[in-house]
Protein backbone atom coordinates (compact mmCIF):
# COMPACT_ATOMS: atom_id res chain seq x y z
CA MET A 1 -9.27 -60.58 71.93
CA GLY A 2 -10.04 -57.17 72.57
CA ASP A 3 -14.18 -57.89 73.62
CA VAL A 4 -14.87 -55.60 76.79
CA ALA A 5 -17.76 -59.07 76.82
CA LYS A 6 -14.89 -61.51 77.17
CA ILE A 7 -11.83 -60.69 79.09
CA LEU A 8 -9.59 -63.05 79.67
CA ASN A 9 -8.48 -64.37 83.10
CA PHE A 10 -5.03 -65.30 82.69
CA ALA A 11 -3.61 -67.58 85.62
CA HIS A 12 -0.37 -66.06 86.31
CA ARG A 13 2.32 -69.44 85.67
CA GLY A 14 -0.69 -70.89 86.45
CA ALA A 15 -2.51 -71.65 89.28
CA SER A 16 0.17 -69.45 91.03
CA ALA A 17 -0.92 -69.22 94.61
CA VAL A 18 -2.57 -72.91 94.93
CA CYS A 19 0.04 -74.68 93.58
CA PRO A 20 4.16 -74.48 92.53
CA GLU A 21 4.13 -71.90 89.56
CA ASN A 22 4.62 -73.21 85.96
CA THR A 23 3.81 -76.48 86.62
CA MET A 24 1.81 -78.84 84.87
CA ALA A 25 -0.64 -79.22 88.02
CA ALA A 26 -0.40 -75.28 87.96
CA PHE A 27 -1.91 -75.28 85.38
CA ARG A 28 -5.03 -78.05 84.98
CA HIS A 29 -5.39 -76.31 88.00
CA SER A 30 -5.99 -72.96 87.34
CA LEU A 31 -8.50 -74.33 84.36
CA THR A 32 -10.54 -75.40 87.27
CA LEU A 33 -10.72 -71.78 88.92
CA GLY A 34 -12.13 -70.09 85.76
CA ALA A 35 -9.46 -68.76 84.08
CA THR A 36 -9.76 -68.31 80.16
CA GLY A 37 -5.79 -67.68 79.30
CA ILE A 38 -3.26 -68.79 80.84
CA GLU A 39 0.04 -67.22 80.85
CA THR A 40 4.17 -68.40 81.73
CA ASP A 41 7.82 -68.07 80.80
CA VAL A 42 9.99 -70.18 78.59
CA GLN A 43 13.44 -70.63 78.55
CA MET A 44 16.02 -72.78 76.75
CA THR A 45 18.04 -75.72 77.82
CA ARG A 46 21.65 -76.56 76.73
CA ASP A 47 20.23 -78.76 74.28
CA GLY A 48 17.42 -76.57 72.50
CA GLU A 49 14.63 -77.30 73.86
CA LEU A 50 11.65 -75.33 75.51
CA VAL A 51 11.42 -75.35 79.20
CA LEU A 52 8.48 -73.75 81.19
CA ILE A 53 10.06 -71.55 84.47
CA HIS A 54 10.41 -68.32 85.31
CA ASP A 55 13.52 -67.31 86.66
CA GLU A 56 17.04 -68.47 84.34
CA GLU A 57 18.33 -70.03 87.90
CA LEU A 58 16.86 -73.15 89.12
CA SER A 59 17.10 -72.75 92.82
CA ARG A 60 13.81 -71.38 93.59
CA THR A 61 11.56 -73.57 91.62
CA THR A 62 13.58 -76.70 91.99
CA ASN A 63 16.44 -78.86 94.33
CA GLY A 64 18.84 -78.09 91.59
CA SER A 65 21.37 -74.97 91.29
CA GLY A 66 22.75 -73.42 88.20
CA TYR A 67 21.30 -71.86 84.81
CA VAL A 68 18.64 -73.22 83.18
CA LYS A 69 21.08 -72.38 80.10
CA ASP A 70 23.71 -75.06 81.12
CA LYS A 71 21.42 -77.85 81.47
CA THR A 72 20.61 -80.88 79.07
CA LEU A 73 16.42 -81.62 79.29
CA GLU A 74 17.04 -84.63 81.18
CA GLU A 75 18.88 -83.12 83.51
CA LEU A 76 16.76 -80.58 84.84
CA GLN A 77 13.50 -82.55 84.03
CA ALA A 78 15.40 -85.06 86.49
CA LEU A 79 14.74 -81.97 89.64
CA ASP A 80 12.14 -81.47 91.41
CA ALA A 81 9.67 -78.60 90.59
CA GLY A 82 7.39 -79.14 93.27
CA ALA A 83 8.40 -80.06 96.56
CA TRP A 84 9.57 -76.72 97.75
CA PHE A 85 6.06 -75.85 97.62
CA GLY A 86 3.13 -76.07 100.67
CA ASP A 87 3.25 -78.61 102.51
CA GLY A 88 4.93 -81.50 100.00
CA SER A 89 2.21 -82.59 98.34
CA PHE A 90 3.78 -81.34 95.02
CA LYS A 91 6.66 -82.81 95.10
CA GLY A 92 6.94 -85.04 91.91
CA GLU A 93 6.61 -81.96 89.69
CA GLN A 94 8.31 -81.36 86.90
CA ILE A 95 9.84 -78.30 84.72
CA PRO A 96 7.25 -78.82 81.66
CA ARG A 97 8.00 -78.44 78.08
CA LEU A 98 5.90 -76.02 76.41
CA GLU A 99 4.68 -78.60 74.22
CA ASP A 100 3.49 -80.41 77.84
CA LEU A 101 1.20 -77.22 78.34
CA LEU A 102 0.41 -76.07 73.86
CA GLU A 103 -0.86 -80.17 74.42
CA LEU A 104 -3.04 -80.30 77.52
CA LEU A 105 -4.88 -76.93 75.72
CA LEU A 106 -4.52 -78.04 72.76
CA ASP A 107 -8.98 -78.94 72.35
CA ARG A 108 -10.04 -76.51 75.41
CA ASP A 109 -10.28 -72.59 73.93
CA THR A 110 -8.08 -70.68 76.12
CA VAL A 111 -5.26 -68.75 75.62
CA LEU A 112 -2.24 -69.55 75.51
CA ASN A 113 0.44 -65.72 76.48
CA ILE A 114 4.08 -66.91 76.55
CA GLU A 115 6.44 -65.03 78.24
CA LEU A 116 9.74 -64.65 76.31
CA LYS A 117 12.31 -65.03 78.75
CA ASN A 118 15.06 -64.04 76.86
CA GLY A 119 16.12 -60.12 78.62
CA VAL A 120 19.26 -61.77 80.45
CA PHE A 121 20.64 -65.29 77.68
CA LEU A 122 19.34 -63.90 74.12
CA TYR A 123 18.83 -67.83 73.65
CA PRO A 124 19.71 -67.54 70.15
CA GLY A 125 16.83 -69.29 67.99
CA MET A 126 14.15 -69.24 70.83
CA GLU A 127 11.44 -67.18 68.83
CA GLU A 128 11.76 -69.79 66.01
CA LYS A 129 11.43 -72.56 67.85
CA VAL A 130 8.65 -71.26 69.88
CA ILE A 131 6.64 -70.22 66.74
CA ALA A 132 7.30 -74.35 65.46
CA ALA A 133 6.09 -75.16 68.30
CA VAL A 134 2.58 -73.28 68.25
CA ARG A 135 2.32 -74.19 64.78
CA ALA A 136 2.63 -77.05 65.45
CA TYR A 137 -0.07 -78.23 68.11
CA GLY A 138 -2.95 -75.60 65.59
CA MET A 139 -2.29 -72.20 68.04
CA SER A 140 -1.85 -69.78 66.38
CA SER A 141 -4.81 -68.36 66.55
CA ARG A 142 -4.67 -68.50 70.50
CA VAL A 143 -1.22 -67.55 72.05
CA VAL A 144 -0.23 -63.44 72.58
CA ILE A 145 4.08 -63.61 72.84
CA SER A 146 5.20 -61.45 75.29
CA SER A 147 8.12 -60.29 76.14
CA PHE A 148 10.12 -57.34 77.88
CA ASN A 149 12.96 -58.12 74.85
CA HIS A 150 11.49 -56.21 71.96
CA TYR A 151 14.19 -56.59 69.66
CA SER A 152 12.98 -60.14 70.25
CA LEU A 153 9.37 -59.03 69.84
CA ALA A 154 10.36 -57.54 66.84
CA TYR A 155 12.19 -60.37 64.96
CA PHE A 156 9.06 -62.91 66.03
CA LYS A 157 6.10 -60.36 64.28
CA GLN A 158 8.84 -60.96 61.34
CA LEU A 159 9.05 -64.31 61.58
CA ALA A 160 5.42 -64.82 62.84
CA PRO A 161 3.18 -61.32 61.81
CA ASP A 162 0.37 -63.88 62.21
CA LEU A 163 0.53 -63.92 65.51
CA ALA A 164 0.05 -61.65 68.44
CA THR A 165 2.66 -59.87 70.36
CA GLY A 166 2.20 -58.00 73.10
CA ILE A 167 5.31 -55.53 75.12
CA LEU A 168 6.32 -55.90 78.35
CA TYR A 169 7.06 -52.65 80.81
CA MET A 170 6.59 -51.95 84.62
CA GLU A 171 5.83 -47.63 83.47
CA GLY A 172 6.75 -44.61 82.44
CA LEU A 173 6.15 -45.77 78.61
CA TYR A 174 4.84 -42.24 77.17
CA ARG A 175 1.74 -43.04 74.40
CA PRO A 176 2.95 -46.63 75.08
CA TRP A 177 0.40 -47.83 72.60
CA GLU A 178 2.14 -46.07 69.63
CA TYR A 179 5.73 -47.30 71.19
CA ALA A 180 4.12 -50.55 70.08
CA ALA A 181 3.37 -50.31 66.58
CA THR A 182 6.81 -50.15 66.05
CA VAL A 183 7.79 -53.15 66.86
CA GLY A 184 3.87 -54.70 65.30
CA ALA A 185 2.32 -55.48 69.21
CA LYS A 186 -0.69 -55.00 69.32
CA ALA A 187 -0.65 -55.26 73.37
CA LEU A 188 0.39 -53.55 76.26
CA HIS A 189 1.11 -56.22 78.84
CA ALA A 190 2.03 -53.05 81.27
CA TYR A 191 2.28 -53.28 85.55
CA HIS A 192 -1.14 -52.63 86.46
CA LEU A 193 -0.15 -49.69 88.84
CA ALA A 194 0.95 -47.91 85.65
CA VAL A 195 -2.88 -48.42 83.44
CA LEU A 196 -4.92 -45.47 83.77
CA PRO A 197 -8.40 -45.04 82.56
CA GLU A 198 -7.61 -42.97 79.48
CA PHE A 199 -4.41 -44.96 78.94
CA VAL A 200 -6.79 -48.20 78.33
CA ARG A 201 -9.33 -45.63 75.88
CA ASP A 202 -6.64 -44.12 73.60
CA ALA A 203 -4.70 -47.23 73.03
CA ALA A 204 -8.29 -48.89 71.76
CA GLN A 205 -8.51 -45.89 69.37
CA CYS A 206 -5.68 -47.69 68.33
CA GLY A 207 -6.51 -50.98 68.51
CA VAL A 208 -4.52 -51.64 71.15
CA VAL A 209 -5.36 -53.59 74.28
CA TYR A 210 -4.25 -53.84 77.52
CA HIS A 211 -3.94 -57.11 79.48
CA PRO A 212 -1.27 -55.99 82.94
CA PHE A 213 0.07 -58.34 85.89
CA THR A 214 -0.46 -59.73 88.69
CA VAL A 215 -3.62 -58.03 89.45
CA ASN A 216 -4.92 -60.41 93.05
CA ASP A 217 -7.01 -57.44 94.81
CA PRO A 218 -10.73 -57.68 93.27
CA GLN A 219 -11.26 -53.33 94.15
CA ARG A 220 -7.92 -53.57 91.62
CA MET A 221 -9.08 -55.89 89.44
CA GLU A 222 -12.87 -53.63 89.40
CA PHE A 223 -10.97 -50.89 88.45
CA LEU A 224 -8.97 -52.61 85.49
CA ILE A 225 -12.86 -53.74 83.97
CA ASP A 226 -14.51 -50.73 84.27
CA ALA A 227 -11.15 -49.21 82.35
CA GLY A 228 -11.66 -50.89 79.48
CA VAL A 229 -8.72 -53.58 79.73
CA ALA A 230 -9.51 -57.16 77.37
CA GLY A 231 -7.16 -58.43 79.64
CA ILE A 232 -5.74 -59.59 83.10
CA ILE A 233 -3.20 -61.69 84.19
CA THR A 234 -3.55 -62.22 88.04
CA ASP A 235 -2.28 -65.67 90.45
CA VAL A 236 -5.83 -66.32 91.54
CA PRO A 237 -8.16 -66.97 88.62
CA ASP A 238 -10.91 -68.03 90.90
CA VAL A 239 -10.99 -64.30 92.46
CA LEU A 240 -11.07 -62.63 89.12
CA SER A 241 -14.04 -65.16 87.54
CA GLY A 242 -15.71 -64.07 90.32
CA VAL A 243 -14.90 -60.45 90.26
CA LEU A 244 -15.97 -60.59 86.75
CA ALA A 245 -19.26 -63.49 87.74
CA ARG A 246 -20.55 -60.01 90.04
CA LYS A 247 -20.65 -57.44 86.82
CA GLY A 248 -21.68 -60.07 84.35
CA LEU A 249 -18.90 -60.40 82.46
């Protein structure tokens, strides 16, 4: 995944600038906009199902309220995850399961970045369930598992040494590529303003790549591409696709 000639274009929560985030509509549309990767967030229901939604609480992106962890899958899928967005044309979109997205990507070469949203609620057993789902769909070579919960990433790597992981962080980590090695991660999912060219170079010498987030400005995209990042996480994969095309990438 570190080939500069094939910089990954990760659609952040799908095509979230033009579709309701983390819905199948957003994921499908991102693939028409040049995305070569998709980033999504996984939480766990009361009955142990893996669902794709960013917030622990439901009210921002659905017509429901309360916490994901307190609802069953059936209760969550009765909610509308699309009506809040835009002109209402996405009304009826459901909160997807992780398996729904894995199914969409089954016969493609798209890379999937699954963020474990287990920093607020720990969701015991989440790591095992994600591993099982990824392996069931034959996606082991096309996933990057990320989290702000680095204890979870270390545990994940113990369970599945063959699956790629990336540490999420905002800023202020000293020599983060060395820190990443302590949890077995080979990718740095850094807030994009925490990325400097010399960091990218030094990380690469240690076999660690950068996938900065969330980058929507074309000039910033160009800066990061020139710095040597392996991928960029963006709300606007069409814009990044255009930048890459202009640079012959």
